[in-house]
């Protein structure tokens, strides 16, 4: 797997010496609705669905139905999406490169119903390494010389792990890990503003890595 990561990077570095007009390095931090909203909402649905299933099963088997609507308390420990990008400008309008992004979210959960309560911790880590392709539609426009709008998309590799750690009054009761699909798809659009070249600020919105991102860009001609 390491070879699959480094081979395209080495190829891009070698190719840039003879073909690139500019090379860009950037470090980014962002906010992801998938991390902070979708994950929590999905987890709440899973908990409630589990209670419903257990409730119907108890009724079917003739047991007393003791499961009511559970109260769910969640505290979040979120690491914002962060990473870096290496990009080669092969022409005025086209660039390509590698984007690396890491995200992590931990949810501490306490579920309480009329008869019982339990605690568990949900953790989801993701590392994405994605070859990207960008289109820059207004690169030669003199009126917006300091601005560089872009549209970027890519498909690559993602390593993701979800873990569920259940706690009881005696300590750690169970740990379960689930691997996620190893394919990442990203799309973003935004603009890079160069107040003082070669330094720029990139702001974008998108899907796959960060919903909203902000980056510092270094362009080398």
C-alpha atoms as a PDB file:
ATOM      1  CA  UNK A   1       0.000   0.000   0.000  1.00  0.00           C
ATOM      2  CA  UNK A   2       2.859   2.409   0.743  1.00  0.00           C
ATOM      3  CA  UNK A   3       4.163   1.866  -2.784  1.00  0.00           C
ATOM      4  CA  UNK A   4       0.759   2.810  -4.199  1.00  0.00           C
ATOM      5  CA  UNK A   5       0.959   6.056  -2.248  1.00  0.00           C
ATOM      6  CA  UNK A   6       4.519   7.097  -3.076  1.00  0.00           C
ATOM      7  CA  UNK A   7       4.710   6.082  -6.760  1.00  0.00           C
ATOM      8  CA  UNK A   8       2.259   8.744  -7.998  1.00  0.00           C
ATOM      9  CA  UNK A   9       3.918  11.357  -5.785  1.00  0.00           C
ATOM     10  CA  UNK A  10       7.373  10.598  -7.207  1.00  0.00           C
ATOM     11  CA  UNK A  11       5.963  10.645 -10.730  1.00  0.00           C
ATOM     12  CA  UNK A  12       4.424  14.080 -10.170  1.00  0.00           C
ATOM     13  CA  UNK A  13       7.645  15.471  -8.707  1.00  0.00           C
ATOM     14  CA  UNK A  14       9.680  14.203 -11.656  1.00  0.00           C
ATOM     15  CA  UNK A  15       7.155  15.367 -14.252  1.00  0.00           C
ATOM     16  CA  UNK A  16       6.914  18.847 -12.736  1.00  0.00           C
ATOM     17  CA  UNK A  17      10.548  19.691 -13.518  1.00  0.00           C
ATOM     18  CA  UNK A  18      10.010  19.604 -17.266  1.00  0.00           C
ATOM     19  CA  UNK A  19       6.319  20.379 -17.796  1.00  0.00           C
ATOM     20  CA  UNK A  20       4.931  22.537 -15.001  1.00  0.00           C
ATOM     21  CA  UNK A  21       4.407  26.291 -15.122  1.00  0.00           C
ATOM     22  CA  UNK A  22       3.839  26.465 -11.354  1.00  0.00           C
ATOM     23  CA  UNK A  23       3.995  24.127  -8.397  1.00  0.00           C
ATOM     24  CA  UNK A  24       1.768  24.696  -5.373  1.00  0.00           C
ATOM     25  CA  UNK A  25       1.977  23.409  -1.814  1.00  0.00           C
ATOM     26  CA  UNK A  26      -0.816  24.008   0.670  1.00  0.00           C
ATOM     27  CA  UNK A  27      -1.896  23.050   4.164  1.00  0.00           C
ATOM     28  CA  UNK A  28      -5.603  23.076   4.948  1.00  0.00           C
ATOM     29  CA  UNK A  29      -8.044  22.843   7.822  1.00  0.00           C
ATOM     30  CA  UNK A  30     -11.785  22.551   7.436  1.00  0.00           C
ATOM     31  CA  UNK A  31     -15.202  21.709   8.790  1.00  0.00           C
ATOM     32  CA  UNK A  32     -17.127  18.636   7.699  1.00  0.00           C
ATOM     33  CA  UNK A  33     -20.865  18.239   8.114  1.00  0.00           C
ATOM     34  CA  UNK A  34     -20.330  14.516   7.576  1.00  0.00           C
ATOM     35  CA  UNK A  35     -18.242  14.419  10.756  1.00  0.00           C
ATOM     36  CA  UNK A  36     -20.147  16.731  13.020  1.00  0.00           C
ATOM     37  CA  UNK A  37     -23.766  16.347  11.983  1.00  0.00           C
ATOM     38  CA  UNK A  38     -24.344  13.265   9.833  1.00  0.00           C
ATOM     39  CA  UNK A  39     -22.370  10.924  12.091  1.00  0.00           C
ATOM     40  CA  UNK A  40     -24.269  11.999  15.202  1.00  0.00           C
ATOM     41  CA  UNK A  41     -27.666  11.868  13.465  1.00  0.00           C
ATOM     42  CA  UNK A  42     -26.921   8.413  12.034  1.00  0.00           C
ATOM     43  CA  UNK A  43     -25.825   7.142  15.438  1.00  0.00           C
ATOM     44  CA  UNK A  44     -29.012   8.429  17.080  1.00  0.00           C
ATOM     45  CA  UNK A  45     -31.109   6.631  14.432  1.00  0.00           C
ATOM     46  CA  UNK A  46     -29.172   3.390  14.963  1.00  0.00           C
ATOM     47  CA  UNK A  47     -29.724   3.535  18.726  1.00  0.00           C
ATOM     48  CA  UNK A  48     -33.456   4.214  18.392  1.00  0.00           C
ATOM     49  CA  UNK A  49     -33.847   1.507  15.722  1.00  0.00           C
ATOM     50  CA  UNK A  50     -32.084  -0.978  17.986  1.00  0.00           C
ATOM     51  CA  UNK A  51     -34.482  -0.190  20.813  1.00  0.00           C
ATOM     52  CA  UNK A  52     -37.486  -0.585  18.498  1.00  0.00           C
ATOM     53  CA  UNK A  53     -36.279  -3.991  17.294  1.00  0.00           C
ATOM     54  CA  UNK A  54     -35.684  -5.199  20.858  1.00  0.00           C
ATOM     55  CA  UNK A  55     -39.082  -3.870  21.898  1.00  0.00           C
ATOM     56  CA  UNK A  56     -40.959  -5.755  19.150  1.00  0.00           C
ATOM     57  CA  UNK A  57     -38.954  -8.915  19.824  1.00  0.00           C
ATOM     58  CA  UNK A  58     -39.847  -8.795  23.514  1.00  0.00           C
ATOM     59  CA  UNK A  59     -43.538  -8.410  22.685  1.00  0.00           C
ATOM     60  CA  UNK A  60     -43.386 -11.262  20.141  1.00  0.00           C
ATOM     61  CA  UNK A  61     -41.789 -13.635  22.650  1.00  0.00           C
ATOM     62  CA  UNK A  62     -44.310 -12.731  25.331  1.00  0.00           C
ATOM     63  CA  UNK A  63     -41.992 -10.708  27.553  1.00  0.00           C
ATOM     64  CA  UNK A  64     -43.052  -7.485  29.151  1.00  0.00           C
ATOM     65  CA  UNK A  65     -42.297  -4.603  26.816  1.00  0.00           C
ATOM     66  CA  UNK A  66     -40.102  -2.386  28.971  1.00  0.00           C
ATOM     67  CA  UNK A  67     -38.368  -0.425  26.217  1.00  0.00           C
ATOM     68  CA  UNK A  68     -39.617   3.130  25.861  1.00  0.00           C
ATOM     69  CA  UNK A  69     -38.258   6.029  23.854  1.00  0.00           C
ATOM     70  CA  UNK A  70     -34.646   6.222  25.042  1.00  0.00           C
ATOM     71  CA  UNK A  71     -33.029   9.456  26.121  1.00  0.00           C
ATOM     72  CA  UNK A  72     -29.719   9.875  24.314  1.00  0.00           C
ATOM     73  CA  UNK A  73     -26.940  12.128  25.600  1.00  0.00           C
ATOM     74  CA  UNK A  74     -23.942  12.749  23.329  1.00  0.00           C
ATOM     75  CA  UNK A  75     -20.776  14.761  23.841  1.00  0.00           C
ATOM     76  CA  UNK A  76     -18.473  15.275  20.887  1.00  0.00           C
ATOM     77  CA  UNK A  77     -14.715  15.354  20.541  1.00  0.00           C
ATOM     78  CA  UNK A  78     -14.078  16.382  16.940  1.00  0.00           C
ATOM     79  CA  UNK A  79     -10.788  16.827  15.110  1.00  0.00           C
ATOM     80  CA  UNK A  80     -11.414  19.107  12.144  1.00  0.00           C
ATOM     81  CA  UNK A  81     -10.443  17.752   8.723  1.00  0.00           C
ATOM     82  CA  UNK A  82      -6.836  18.720   8.056  1.00  0.00           C
ATOM     83  CA  UNK A  83      -4.223  17.861   5.504  1.00  0.00           C
ATOM     84  CA  UNK A  84      -2.112  19.064   2.607  1.00  0.00           C
ATOM     85  CA  UNK A  85      -2.060  19.293  -1.157  1.00  0.00           C
ATOM     86  CA  UNK A  86       0.686  19.149  -3.777  1.00  0.00           C
ATOM     87  CA  UNK A  87      -0.454  20.486  -7.141  1.00  0.00           C
ATOM     88  CA  UNK A  88       1.192  21.035 -10.524  1.00  0.00           C
ATOM     89  CA  UNK A  89      -0.078  23.689 -12.937  1.00  0.00           C
ATOM     90  CA  UNK A  90       0.496  22.103 -16.352  1.00  0.00           C
ATOM     91  CA  UNK A  91      -1.201  24.966 -18.243  1.00  0.00           C
ATOM     92  CA  UNK A  92      -3.057  28.199 -17.555  1.00  0.00           C
ATOM     93  CA  UNK A  93      -6.291  26.328 -16.990  1.00  0.00           C
ATOM     94  CA  UNK A  94      -5.341  22.823 -15.842  1.00  0.00           C
ATOM     95  CA  UNK A  95      -3.615  21.476 -12.734  1.00  0.00           C
ATOM     96  CA  UNK A  96      -3.331  18.082 -11.069  1.00  0.00           C
ATOM     97  CA  UNK A  97      -1.787  16.622  -7.939  1.00  0.00           C
ATOM     98  CA  UNK A  98      -2.304  14.732  -4.678  1.00  0.00           C
ATOM     99  CA  UNK A  99      -4.566  15.664  -1.755  1.00  0.00           C
ATOM    100  CA  UNK A 100      -4.133  14.082   1.692  1.00  0.00           C
ATOM    101  CA  UNK A 101      -6.739  14.568   4.429  1.00  0.00           C
ATOM    102  CA  UNK A 102      -7.226  13.163   7.939  1.00  0.00           C
ATOM    103  CA  UNK A 103     -10.427  13.355   9.998  1.00  0.00           C
ATOM    104  CA  UNK A 104     -11.400  11.973  13.377  1.00  0.00           C
ATOM    105  CA  UNK A 105     -14.541  12.123  15.468  1.00  0.00           C
ATOM    106  CA  UNK A 106     -15.311  10.647  18.899  1.00  0.00           C
ATOM    107  CA  UNK A 107     -18.799  10.548  20.391  1.00  0.00           C
ATOM    108  CA  UNK A 108     -19.324   9.744  24.074  1.00  0.00           C
ATOM    109  CA  UNK A 109     -22.838   8.352  24.351  1.00  0.00           C
ATOM    110  CA  UNK A 110     -25.137   7.654  27.315  1.00  0.00           C
ATOM    111  CA  UNK A 111     -28.492   5.978  26.641  1.00  0.00           C
ATOM    112  CA  UNK A 112     -31.185   5.971  29.335  1.00  0.00           C
ATOM    113  CA  UNK A 113     -34.648   4.398  29.331  1.00  0.00           C
ATOM    114  CA  UNK A 114     -37.130   3.625  32.078  1.00  0.00           C
ATOM    115  CA  UNK A 115     -35.382   0.396  33.085  1.00  0.00           C
ATOM    116  CA  UNK A 116     -31.712   0.656  32.274  1.00  0.00           C
ATOM    117  CA  UNK A 117     -28.838   2.767  30.999  1.00  0.00           C
ATOM    118  CA  UNK A 118     -25.540   2.135  29.310  1.00  0.00           C
ATOM    119  CA  UNK A 119     -22.521   4.054  28.024  1.00  0.00           C
ATOM    120  CA  UNK A 120     -20.352   3.598  24.987  1.00  0.00           C
ATOM    121  CA  UNK A 121     -17.833   5.499  22.879  1.00  0.00           C
ATOM    122  CA  UNK A 122     -18.042   5.712  19.115  1.00  0.00           C
ATOM    123  CA  UNK A 123     -14.931   6.656  17.148  1.00  0.00           C
ATOM    124  CA  UNK A 124     -14.459   7.105  13.406  1.00  0.00           C
ATOM    125  CA  UNK A 125     -11.055   7.817  11.856  1.00  0.00           C
ATOM    126  CA  UNK A 126     -10.434   8.425   8.149  1.00  0.00           C
ATOM    127  CA  UNK A 127      -7.283   8.985   6.101  1.00  0.00           C
ATOM    128  CA  UNK A 128      -7.793   9.833   2.428  1.00  0.00           C
ATOM    129  CA  UNK A 129      -5.113  10.013  -0.288  1.00  0.00           C
ATOM    130  CA  UNK A 130      -6.632  11.238  -3.535  1.00  0.00           C
ATOM    131  CA  UNK A 131      -5.176  12.117  -6.953  1.00  0.00           C
ATOM    132  CA  UNK A 132      -6.932  15.330  -8.026  1.00  0.00           C
ATOM    133  CA  UNK A 133      -7.629  17.243 -11.230  1.00  0.00           C
ATOM    134  CA  UNK A 134      -8.487  20.976 -11.226  1.00  0.00           C
ATOM    135  CA  UNK A 135      -9.862  23.419 -13.771  1.00  0.00           C
ATOM    136  CA  UNK A 136      -9.063  27.159 -13.466  1.00  0.00           C
ATOM    137  CA  UNK A 137     -11.503  29.023 -15.747  1.00  0.00           C
ATOM    138  CA  UNK A 138     -10.345  32.648 -15.251  1.00  0.00           C
ATOM    139  CA  UNK A 139      -6.585  32.383 -14.902  1.00  0.00           C
ATOM    140  CA  UNK A 140      -5.788  34.996 -17.588  1.00  0.00           C
ATOM    141  CA  UNK A 141      -8.506  37.484 -16.657  1.00  0.00           C
ATOM    142  CA  UNK A 142      -6.676  40.761 -15.891  1.00  0.00           C
ATOM    143  CA  UNK A 143      -9.583  42.173 -13.886  1.00  0.00           C
ATOM    144  CA  UNK A 144      -9.254  39.426 -11.292  1.00  0.00           C
ATOM    145  CA  UNK A 145      -5.513  38.950 -11.509  1.00  0.00           C
ATOM    146  CA  UNK A 146      -5.122  38.214  -7.773  1.00  0.00           C
ATOM    147  CA  UNK A 147      -7.964  35.689  -7.766  1.00  0.00           C
ATOM    148  CA  UNK A 148      -7.754  32.123  -9.045  1.00  0.00           C
ATOM    149  CA  UNK A 149     -11.163  30.348  -9.048  1.00  0.00           C
ATOM    150  CA  UNK A 150     -11.034  26.554  -9.335  1.00  0.00           C
ATOM    151  CA  UNK A 151     -13.129  23.412  -9.685  1.00  0.00           C
ATOM    152  CA  UNK A 152     -11.483  20.235  -8.358  1.00  0.00           C
ATOM    153  CA  UNK A 153     -12.465  16.575  -8.346  1.00  0.00           C
ATOM    154  CA  UNK A 154     -10.714  13.302  -7.606  1.00  0.00           C
ATOM    155  CA  UNK A 155     -11.047   9.611  -6.796  1.00  0.00           C
ATOM    156  CA  UNK A 156      -8.605   7.816  -4.521  1.00  0.00           C
ATOM    157  CA  UNK A 157      -7.899   5.650  -1.505  1.00  0.00           C
ATOM    158  CA  UNK A 158      -9.443   6.014   1.940  1.00  0.00           C
ATOM    159  CA  UNK A 159      -8.607   4.072   5.078  1.00  0.00           C
ATOM    160  CA  UNK A 160     -11.430   4.269   7.568  1.00  0.00           C
ATOM    161  CA  UNK A 161     -12.157   2.529  10.869  1.00  0.00           C
ATOM    162  CA  UNK A 162     -15.225   2.748  13.091  1.00  0.00           C
ATOM    163  CA  UNK A 163     -14.977   1.456  16.638  1.00  0.00           C
ATOM    164  CA  UNK A 164     -17.626   0.932  19.315  1.00  0.00           C
ATOM    165  CA  UNK A 165     -16.434   0.587  22.904  1.00  0.00           C
ATOM    166  CA  UNK A 166     -19.138  -0.389  25.413  1.00  0.00           C
ATOM    167  CA  UNK A 167     -18.702   0.303  29.125  1.00  0.00           C
ATOM    168  CA  UNK A 168     -20.344  -1.282  32.153  1.00  0.00           C
ATOM    169  CA  UNK A 169     -19.953  -0.770  35.890  1.00  0.00           C
ATOM    170  CA  UNK A 170     -17.129  -3.312  35.772  1.00  0.00           C
ATOM    171  CA  UNK A 171     -15.102  -1.485  33.109  1.00  0.00           C
ATOM    172  CA  UNK A 172     -14.741  -2.028  29.369  1.00  0.00           C
ATOM    173  CA  UNK A 173     -17.324  -4.564  28.262  1.00  0.00           C
ATOM    174  CA  UNK A 174     -16.777  -4.865  24.510  1.00  0.00           C
ATOM    175  CA  UNK A 175     -14.790  -3.331  21.634  1.00  0.00           C
ATOM    176  CA  UNK A 176     -15.955  -3.720  18.045  1.00  0.00           C
ATOM    177  CA  UNK A 177     -14.203  -2.372  14.939  1.00  0.00           C
ATOM    178  CA  UNK A 178     -15.712  -1.986  11.483  1.00  0.00           C
ATOM    179  CA  UNK A 179     -13.692  -1.191   8.353  1.00  0.00           C
ATOM    180  CA  UNK A 180     -15.226   1.241   5.868  1.00  0.00           C
ATOM    181  CA  UNK A 181     -15.205   1.181   2.051  1.00  0.00           C
ATOM    182  CA  UNK A 182     -11.619   2.028   0.874  1.00  0.00           C
ATOM    183  CA  UNK A 183     -12.682   4.394  -1.905  1.00  0.00           C
ATOM    184  CA  UNK A 184     -12.825   8.176  -1.566  1.00  0.00           C
ATOM    185  CA  UNK A 185     -14.525  10.587  -3.969  1.00  0.00           C
ATOM    186  CA  UNK A 186     -14.098  14.330  -3.586  1.00  0.00           C
ATOM    187  CA  UNK A 187     -15.385  17.466  -5.282  1.00  0.00           C
ATOM    188  CA  UNK A 188     -14.724  21.087  -4.372  1.00  0.00           C
ATOM    189  CA  UNK A 189     -14.969  24.562  -5.787  1.00  0.00           C
ATOM    190  CA  UNK A 190     -13.680  27.883  -4.522  1.00  0.00           C
ATOM    191  CA  UNK A 191     -11.058  30.549  -5.049  1.00  0.00           C
ATOM    192  CA  UNK A 192      -7.427  31.248  -4.187  1.00  0.00           C
ATOM    193  CA  UNK A 193      -6.591  34.861  -3.327  1.00  0.00           C
ATOM    194  CA  UNK A 194      -2.970  36.032  -3.655  1.00  0.00           C
ATOM    195  CA  UNK A 195      -2.515  39.216  -1.571  1.00  0.00           C
ATOM    196  CA  UNK A 196       1.271  38.897  -1.776  1.00  0.00           C
ATOM    197  CA  UNK A 197       2.754  36.393  -4.201  1.00  0.00           C
ATOM    198  CA  UNK A 198       3.852  33.633  -3.797  1.00  0.00           C
ATOM    199  CA  UNK A 199       1.536  33.312  -0.761  1.00  0.00           C
ATOM    200  CA  UNK A 200      -2.177  32.771  -1.193  1.00  0.00           C
ATOM    201  CA  UNK A 201      -5.295  31.886   0.767  1.00  0.00           C
ATOM    202  CA  UNK A 202      -7.631  29.211  -0.567  1.00  0.00           C
ATOM    203  CA  UNK A 203     -11.284  29.000   0.483  1.00  0.00           C
ATOM    204  CA  UNK A 204     -13.584  26.295  -0.819  1.00  0.00           C
ATOM    205  CA  UNK A 205     -16.718  24.244  -0.335  1.00  0.00           C
ATOM    206  CA  UNK A 206     -17.176  20.663  -1.378  1.00  0.00           C
ATOM    207  CA  UNK A 207     -17.933  17.030  -0.663  1.00  0.00           C
ATOM    208  CA  UNK A 208     -15.814  14.041   0.304  1.00  0.00           C
ATOM    209  CA  UNK A 209     -13.070  15.626   2.414  1.00  0.00           C
ATOM    210  CA  UNK A 210     -14.316  18.895   3.896  1.00  0.00           C
ATOM    211  CA  UNK A 211     -17.626  20.681   3.536  1.00  0.00           C
ATOM    212  CA  UNK A 212     -15.838  23.983   4.116  1.00  0.00           C
ATOM    213  CA  UNK A 213     -12.051  24.392   3.976  1.00  0.00           C
ATOM    214  CA  UNK A 214      -9.445  27.112   4.386  1.00  0.00           C
ATOM    215  CA  UNK A 215      -5.817  26.747   3.321  1.00  0.00           C
ATOM    216  CA  UNK A 216      -2.528  28.621   3.047  1.00  0.00           C
ATOM    217  CA  UNK A 217      -0.962  28.211  -0.404  1.00  0.00           C
ATOM    218  CA  UNK A 218       2.671  28.576  -1.500  1.00  0.00           C
ATOM    219  CA  UNK A 219       3.167  28.894  -5.267  1.00  0.00           C
ATOM    220  CA  UNK A 220       6.598  28.313  -6.802  1.00  0.00           C
ATOM    221  CA  UNK A 221       7.025  29.446 -10.415  1.00  0.00           C
END
